[in-house]
Protein backbone atom coordinates (compact mmCIF):
# COMPACT_ATOMS: atom_id res chain seq x y z
CA MET A 1 0.00 0.00 0.00
CA LYS A 2 1.08 3.59 -0.56
CA ASN A 3 2.25 5.68 2.36
CA GLN A 4 3.71 9.19 2.45
CA THR A 5 5.57 9.18 5.76
CA TYR A 6 9.30 9.61 6.17
CA ILE A 7 11.83 7.39 7.89
CA TYR A 8 14.86 9.12 9.39
CA ASN A 9 17.96 7.64 10.90
CA VAL A 10 20.40 9.59 13.02
CA ASN A 11 23.87 8.91 14.33
CA TYR A 12 25.76 10.61 17.12
CA SER A 13 28.52 10.04 19.63
CA GLU A 14 27.40 9.16 23.12
CA TYR A 15 28.34 12.59 24.44
CA GLU A 16 26.29 14.28 21.69
CA GLU A 17 23.03 12.53 22.51
CA THR A 18 21.55 15.54 24.33
CA LEU A 19 22.41 17.81 21.39
CA CYS A 20 20.71 15.47 18.92
CA ALA A 21 17.70 15.19 21.24
CA ILE A 22 17.11 18.95 21.59
CA GLU A 23 17.53 19.36 17.82
CA ASN A 24 15.04 16.55 17.25
CA ARG A 25 12.49 18.20 19.51
CA ALA A 26 12.84 21.45 17.57
CA LEU A 27 12.67 19.98 14.07
CA PHE A 28 10.20 17.13 14.60
CA ASN A 29 8.44 18.11 17.84
CA THR A 30 9.04 14.67 19.28
CA GLN A 31 11.29 12.98 21.80
CA LEU A 32 14.19 11.01 20.39
CA LYS A 33 13.81 7.43 21.61
CA GLU A 34 15.80 5.52 19.01
CA LYS A 35 18.20 6.31 16.20
CA ILE A 36 15.46 5.41 13.68
CA PHE A 37 12.09 7.15 13.69
CA PHE A 38 9.07 7.89 11.51
CA SER A 39 7.75 11.41 10.92
CA ASP A 40 5.41 13.36 8.66
CA VAL A 41 7.79 16.34 8.84
CA LYS A 42 10.06 16.92 5.83
CA VAL A 43 13.60 17.97 6.82
CA ASN A 44 16.68 18.25 4.63
CA PRO A 45 19.17 15.82 6.25
CA SER A 46 22.12 18.07 5.41
CA VAL A 47 20.97 20.83 7.78
CA SER A 48 21.86 18.49 10.64
CA ALA A 49 25.14 16.97 11.75
CA PHE A 50 23.22 13.94 13.03
CA ILE A 51 20.58 13.03 10.43
CA LYS A 52 22.08 10.50 8.00
CA ASN A 53 19.14 9.86 5.66
CA ARG A 54 15.58 10.83 4.87
CA PHE A 55 13.54 8.03 3.34
CA LYS A 56 10.17 8.99 1.81
CA ILE A 57 8.04 5.87 1.84
CA ILE A 58 6.26 5.02 -1.40
CA TYR A 59 5.46 1.37 -0.68
CA LYS A 60 5.36 -0.73 2.47
CA THR A 61 4.81 -4.49 2.12
CA SER A 62 5.21 -7.65 4.14
CA THR A 63 7.10 -9.50 1.38
CA PHE A 64 9.81 -8.53 -1.09
CA GLU A 65 7.81 -10.11 -3.93
CA ASP A 66 4.87 -7.78 -3.24
CA LEU A 67 7.27 -4.86 -3.33
CA LEU A 68 8.52 -5.92 -6.76
CA SER A 69 4.95 -6.23 -8.01
CA TYR A 70 4.00 -2.71 -6.90
CA ILE A 71 7.11 -1.21 -8.49
CA GLU A 72 6.55 -3.04 -11.77
CA GLN A 73 2.99 -1.66 -12.05
CA ASP A 74 3.85 1.91 -11.04
CA GLU A 75 3.85 4.18 -14.11
CA ASN A 76 4.88 7.28 -12.15
CA LEU A 77 8.35 6.26 -11.02
CA GLU A 78 11.28 8.30 -12.34
CA THR A 79 13.24 6.44 -15.04
CA ASP A 80 16.51 8.35 -14.51
CA PHE A 81 17.33 6.59 -11.25
CA ILE A 82 19.54 4.44 -9.09
CA VAL A 83 18.54 2.02 -6.31
CA LYS A 84 20.38 1.75 -3.01
CA TYR A 85 19.79 -0.42 0.03
CA MET A 86 19.55 1.42 3.34
CA LYS A 87 20.71 -0.66 6.27
CA MET A 88 18.70 0.43 9.30
CA VAL A 89 20.08 -1.69 12.13
CA SER A 90 22.99 -3.96 12.83
CA GLY A 91 22.06 -7.57 12.23
CA ASP A 92 19.89 -6.73 9.22
CA PRO A 93 19.40 -10.21 7.63
CA TYR A 94 19.24 -8.78 4.10
CA ALA A 95 22.15 -6.33 4.21
CA ALA A 96 24.63 -8.89 2.88
CA SER A 97 22.52 -9.44 -0.25
CA ARG A 98 21.76 -5.75 -0.81
CA ASN A 99 23.34 -5.63 -4.29
CA SER A 100 21.18 -8.50 -5.51
CA LEU A 101 18.05 -6.93 -4.01
CA CYS A 102 18.75 -3.59 -5.68
CA LYS A 103 19.27 -5.28 -9.05
CA LYS A 104 15.95 -7.09 -8.73
CA ILE A 105 14.15 -3.84 -8.01
CA ALA A 106 15.93 -2.02 -10.86
CA SER A 107 14.86 -4.77 -13.26
CA GLN A 108 11.22 -3.76 -12.69
CA PHE A 109 11.84 -0.35 -14.30
CA LYS A 110 11.49 0.28 -18.03
CA GLN A 111 14.97 1.87 -18.14
CA SER A 112 18.33 0.74 -16.79
CA PRO A 113 19.78 2.52 -13.73
CA ASN A 114 21.94 5.60 -14.20
CA TYR A 115 25.01 4.92 -12.09
CA GLU A 116 26.82 8.15 -13.01
CA SER A 117 24.43 11.02 -12.30
CA PRO A 118 20.89 9.81 -11.54
CA LYS A 119 18.09 12.32 -11.15
CA ILE A 120 16.67 10.42 -8.21
CA THR A 121 17.85 7.80 -5.72
CA TYR A 122 15.36 5.15 -4.73
CA GLY A 123 15.91 3.25 -1.52
CA VAL A 124 14.87 -0.14 -0.27
CA THR A 125 15.10 -1.41 3.28
CA PHE A 126 13.83 -4.08 5.64
CA TYR A 127 12.83 -2.88 9.09
CA GLN A 128 10.73 -4.49 11.82
CA ASP A 129 9.45 -7.27 9.56
CA GLU A 130 8.34 -4.90 6.80
CA TRP A 131 9.80 -4.00 3.41
CA TYR A 132 9.97 -0.36 2.39
CA PHE A 133 10.60 1.27 -0.97
CA GLY A 134 10.89 5.01 -1.45
CA VAL A 135 12.97 8.06 -2.26
CA LEU A 136 16.27 8.22 -0.43
CA VAL A 137 18.01 11.52 0.36
CA LYS A 138 21.37 11.36 2.10
CA ASN A 139 23.19 13.99 4.15
CA ASN A 140 25.60 15.49 1.62
CA SER A 141 28.13 16.53 4.32
CA GLN A 142 29.09 19.60 2.26
CA TRP A 143 28.81 21.67 5.44
CA ARG A 144 32.01 20.03 6.70
CA GLU A 145 33.86 22.37 4.35
CA HIS A 146 33.06 25.14 6.85
CA ASN A 147 35.78 23.69 9.06
CA ASN A 148 38.23 25.18 6.57
CA ARG A 149 36.99 28.74 7.01
CA PRO A 150 39.72 31.39 6.79
CA TYR A 151 39.14 32.84 10.27
CA THR A 152 38.44 31.06 13.54
CA TYR A 153 39.22 31.48 17.22
CA SER A 154 40.11 29.06 20.01
CA ASN A 155 36.69 29.54 21.61
CA SER A 156 34.72 29.38 18.34
CA LEU A 157 31.75 27.04 18.35
CA LYS A 158 32.15 23.67 16.69
CA ILE A 159 30.17 23.12 13.48
CA ASN A 160 27.97 20.43 15.07
CA MET A 161 26.97 22.81 17.86
CA ALA A 162 26.31 25.69 15.46
CA LYS A 163 24.00 23.50 13.36
CA VAL A 164 22.06 22.50 16.47
CA LEU A 165 21.63 26.15 17.48
CA ILE A 166 20.32 27.07 14.02
CA ASN A 167 17.85 24.18 14.00
CA VAL A 168 16.66 24.96 17.53
CA ALA A 169 16.26 28.64 16.62
CA GLY A 170 14.55 28.14 13.26
CA ARG A 171 12.68 24.90 13.99
CA GLY A 172 12.81 24.07 10.28
CA ASP A 173 10.76 27.14 9.29
CA LEU A 174 12.91 29.02 6.77
CA SER A 175 10.75 32.12 7.09
CA THR A 176 12.16 32.60 10.60
CA THR A 177 14.44 35.64 10.86
CA ILE A 178 17.48 35.04 13.05
CA ILE A 179 20.19 37.26 14.49
CA ASP A 180 23.48 36.34 16.12
CA PRO A 181 24.30 39.64 17.85
CA CYS A 182 27.64 38.42 19.27
CA CYS A 183 28.59 36.52 16.15
CA GLY A 184 32.36 36.18 16.57
CA ALA A 185 33.92 34.71 13.43
CA GLY A 186 30.48 33.72 12.15
CA THR A 187 30.26 29.96 12.70
CA VAL A 188 26.51 30.20 13.40
CA LEU A 189 26.06 32.52 10.42
CA LEU A 190 27.65 29.96 8.10
CA GLU A 191 25.26 27.23 9.20
CA GLY A 192 22.28 29.58 9.02
CA CYS A 193 23.12 30.51 5.43
CA PHE A 194 23.76 26.87 4.52
CA ALA A 195 20.34 25.88 5.87
CA GLY A 196 18.64 28.69 3.94
CA TYR A 197 17.64 31.10 6.71
CA THR A 198 17.64 34.88 6.59
CA ILE A 199 20.27 35.52 9.26
CA THR A 200 22.08 38.64 10.42
CA GLY A 201 25.29 38.90 12.39
CA SER A 202 26.71 41.63 14.56
CA ASP A 203 29.74 42.01 16.79
CA ILE A 204 31.08 44.76 19.02
CA SER A 205 34.57 44.20 17.58
CA TRP A 206 35.15 45.73 14.16
CA LYS A 207 37.90 43.22 13.33
CA THR A 208 35.79 40.24 14.39
CA ALA A 209 32.80 41.40 12.35
CA LYS A 210 35.10 41.86 9.36
CA ASN A 211 36.43 38.31 9.76
CA ALA A 212 32.89 36.91 9.99
CA ALA A 213 31.98 38.67 6.74
CA ALA A 214 35.14 37.28 5.13
CA ASN A 215 34.21 33.75 6.20
CA LEU A 216 30.78 34.13 4.62
CA GLU A 217 32.24 35.54 1.42
CA HIS A 218 34.74 32.66 1.25
CA PHE A 219 31.85 30.21 0.83
CA GLY A 220 29.74 32.47 -1.36
CA TYR A 221 27.09 33.18 1.28
CA LYS A 222 25.28 36.49 1.57
CA ALA A 223 24.29 37.73 5.00
CA GLN A 224 24.50 41.11 6.64
CA VAL A 225 27.23 41.46 9.26
CA ASN A 226 27.31 44.67 11.30
CA HIS A 227 29.93 46.23 13.56
CA GLN A 228 27.50 47.03 16.32
CA ALA A 229 27.00 46.44 20.04
CA ILE A 230 23.88 44.50 20.95
CA GLN A 231 22.41 47.43 22.88
CA ASP A 232 22.53 49.53 19.70
CA ILE A 233 20.53 47.07 17.56
CA SER A 234 17.08 48.44 16.76
CA GLU A 235 15.74 45.87 14.27
CA HIS A 236 13.48 43.07 15.52
CA TYR A 237 13.88 39.35 14.74
CA ASP A 238 11.98 36.14 15.35
CA CYS A 239 14.87 34.60 17.25
CA SER A 240 18.31 35.54 18.53
CA ILE A 241 21.18 33.15 19.23
CA ILE A 242 23.48 34.17 22.07
CA ASP A 243 26.81 32.45 22.68
CA LEU A 244 27.80 34.06 25.95
CA PRO A 245 31.56 34.84 26.02
CA TYR A 246 33.69 32.68 28.28
CA GLY A 247 37.28 31.63 28.90
CA LEU A 248 40.52 33.21 30.01
CA TYR A 249 40.31 36.05 27.52
CA SER A 250 36.73 37.01 28.27
CA GLN A 251 36.17 40.07 30.40
CA THR A 252 32.41 39.51 30.56
CA THR A 253 30.96 40.17 34.01
CA PRO A 254 27.60 38.94 35.35
CA GLU A 255 26.29 42.45 34.70
CA ASP A 256 27.48 42.20 31.07
CA GLN A 257 25.73 38.85 30.72
CA SER A 258 22.49 40.30 32.06
CA MET A 259 22.78 43.21 29.63
CA ILE A 260 23.30 40.86 26.67
CA ILE A 261 20.36 38.66 27.65
CA ARG A 262 18.13 41.68 28.28
CA ASN A 263 18.88 43.13 24.87
CA ALA A 264 18.47 39.79 23.13
CA LYS A 265 15.00 39.65 24.65
CA ARG A 266 14.35 43.20 23.45
CA ILE A 267 15.25 42.50 19.80
CA SER A 268 13.68 39.05 19.39
CA ASP A 269 10.60 37.02 20.29
CA ARG A 270 12.64 33.96 21.22
CA VAL A 271 16.17 33.64 22.59
CA VAL A 272 18.47 30.63 22.29
CA VAL A 273 21.35 30.92 24.74
CA ILE A 274 24.48 28.81 25.00
CA SER A 275 26.80 29.18 27.98
CA SER A 276 29.53 27.35 29.87
CA GLU A 277 27.79 28.24 33.15
CA ASP A 278 24.38 27.49 34.57
CA ILE A 279 22.57 30.83 34.16
CA THR A 280 19.06 29.62 34.94
CA ASP A 281 18.64 32.28 37.64
CA LEU A 282 19.86 35.02 35.29
CA LEU A 283 17.28 34.02 32.69
CA ALA A 284 14.54 34.02 35.32
CA ASN A 285 15.63 37.45 36.53
CA GLU A 286 15.26 38.74 32.96
CA HIS A 287 11.72 37.30 32.85
CA LEU A 288 12.49 34.68 30.21
CA GLU A 289 10.60 31.40 30.28
CA ILE A 290 12.73 28.34 29.53
CA VAL A 291 10.76 26.13 27.11
CA ASP A 292 13.56 23.65 26.41
CA SER A 293 17.13 23.05 27.50
CA CYS A 294 20.00 20.59 27.49
CA LYS A 295 23.42 20.06 29.04
CA PHE A 296 26.30 18.96 26.85
CA ILE A 297 29.56 17.53 28.23
CA LYS A 298 32.49 17.21 25.85
CA SER A 299 34.00 13.74 25.70
CA THR A 300 37.54 15.12 25.64
CA ASN A 301 37.05 17.09 28.85
CA ARG A 302 34.41 15.69 31.19
CA LYS A 303 34.70 18.77 33.41
CA PHE A 304 33.73 21.18 30.66
CA ALA A 305 29.99 21.50 30.22
CA ARG A 306 27.93 23.73 28.01
CA TYR A 307 24.27 24.52 28.40
CA ILE A 308 21.62 25.43 25.84
CA TRP A 309 18.40 27.19 26.82
CA VAL A 310 15.47 27.96 24.54
CA CYS A 311 13.59 30.91 25.97
CA GLU A 312 10.44 32.89 25.30
CA HIS A 313 9.12 36.04 26.91
CA SER A 314 7.57 35.30 30.26
CA SER A 315 4.00 36.38 30.90
CA GLU A 316 5.40 38.43 33.77
CA LYS A 317 6.36 41.97 32.99
CA GLY A 318 10.00 42.83 32.99
């Protein structure tokens, strides 16, 4: 029978599980229970560091022979194609014979597969005693090129973290306007542009803002980057992303942090904050309601934690 749901599979290191989970809640509005899940929400896998594949189900059958029969009778399938087997879990009993299975499916088409540059990739998989056939879209991993940006700093966010922040801020809605008002060298800006958002950057340091703009230009992205302190920003955005400064070279005081948070609230409806300290009380003092959060501990340094809070304006005045 025909079905229009999607199957996603994700992969992450053990220490990144909380990052993948908060991203999953933002993009799919569901709790991540396993590394394979079904959803009606369409997400480009490449916007995430964790999503490996998106599989749009066309047919679901109990036997492989039924699957072949449906494909043979389908006049609407693309003829410029290739077929690939998607292994869902370890111990898949059919993974070893995947090449033979793909050839059998391809033989049901009126044209031979295009192994060089197919217009579409069809996938086949066996999962929980059911066969699935559909359109397979893989994470293209092109975003990894951002690791080779011309300018970076020792405390710059990692690409994986930046992608999570963008997905949590935008929630998959590309009409969302986003600002990173303390953008540093622009790691978040790169991932926002890559995902297709309208994103603006700003930094109090002229040199840093210039380097962020140069990083964007290096990859051919277009986004406005301003040399401006957060308290001087007058435009309003759907969401702001705040990476609170930290480390030996940061002179940020608790008062500075409060000022940054207060202004982020002023210029945006939602605020996504990342910090190396637990600032729950600070957020409450600024009358921000925490609607989601996670704690992330780096595997290389178990003592170094980072926190992400997703905040909205509290009903209290402030």
